[in-house]
Amino acid sequence: MTPLAVALVLAAAFLHAFWNLHAKRAGGSIAFIWLMLCGSVLLYVPVAIVTWALIHPRFVPIDWLFICGTAVLHVVYFLLLQGGYRIGDLSVVYPLSRGTGPLLTALVATAFLGERPAVLGWLGIVLVLSGIIVFAGDSRRLAGAHGTSVAYAVATGALIAAYTLWDRHAVNTLALSPIVYDFLGNTGRALLLAPLAMARRGEIVFEYREHLREIVIVAALSPLAYLMVLFAMRIAPVSYVAPAREVSIVIGALLGVRMLAEPDSRRRIVAAVAIVGGIVAIAVA
């Protein structure tokens, strides 16, 4: 990975952890997610218009297929993630889902996309994923977790791998503009979730009144963080980018300890050292 790719991934990881902190505070209901998506569309309209005017994109049917596909994949991802949070612990569902995604992404990229990480790169991937597992807790805690919530987490991880590889193909092989691609994808997501949100109009009013600040923060930072990842995937192998972005778990853990008074700081530090070591190995491989 080049220094630029590393910088993009690390910046995206910080933004991802920061907006997830605010999403967690808001509760992450379907109404909140829909308002956030609508806010993202409104906030990024000027950027999308300027980009469209500069590059004059011309879409062929396969481009529209990938735009519609990313909308569907991300919506299913959001719904699975929230389903896991409703019945399971955040400290189990989040690390398992974030850890499963990069592992599957790296394996698929190696098996089908012709990417061959160096030995040091694979060592970095193992260190990152090991750190994520440590964040989730010891084996007894994982073994005792509610089976359904674990299933949700693994399914969410599979969706993370799916949309990462799907979007990588769109911005890399099809050479779609990440800005236009993500904007149209967000628009599609908002439209897909609209029927579910309209059935919860009372929740929409509540979320708007109680969590407007969180809606704006997530709406602004979530697309920005993912745009950084999309640009990174244009200049670096996806089998490196996907695991490296999971440094957000370290940042999220530190924010949790400092701002939410979460326990087990010693275990989190051990996991952080493993993940940072993995990031360094990936960066220099």
Foldseek 3Di string as FASTA:
>chain_A
DDPLLLVLLVVLLLLVLVLVVLCVVLLLDLLLVLLLLVLLLVVCVVVLVVVCVVPVDDDDPVLVVLLLVLLVLVLVLSVLLSVLVVQWPPQQLVLLLLLLQLVVLLVCCVVPVVDDDDPLLVLLNVLLSVLSVLSSPDPVVVVPTDPVSSVSSNVSSVSSNVSLVSLLCSCAVVVDQLSNSVSSSSVSNSVVSVVVNVVPVVVNVVCCVPRVVSSNSCSPRVSSSVSSLSVSSNPDPSSLSSSLSSLSVLSSVVCCCVPVVDDDVVSSVVSNVSNVSSNVSSNVD
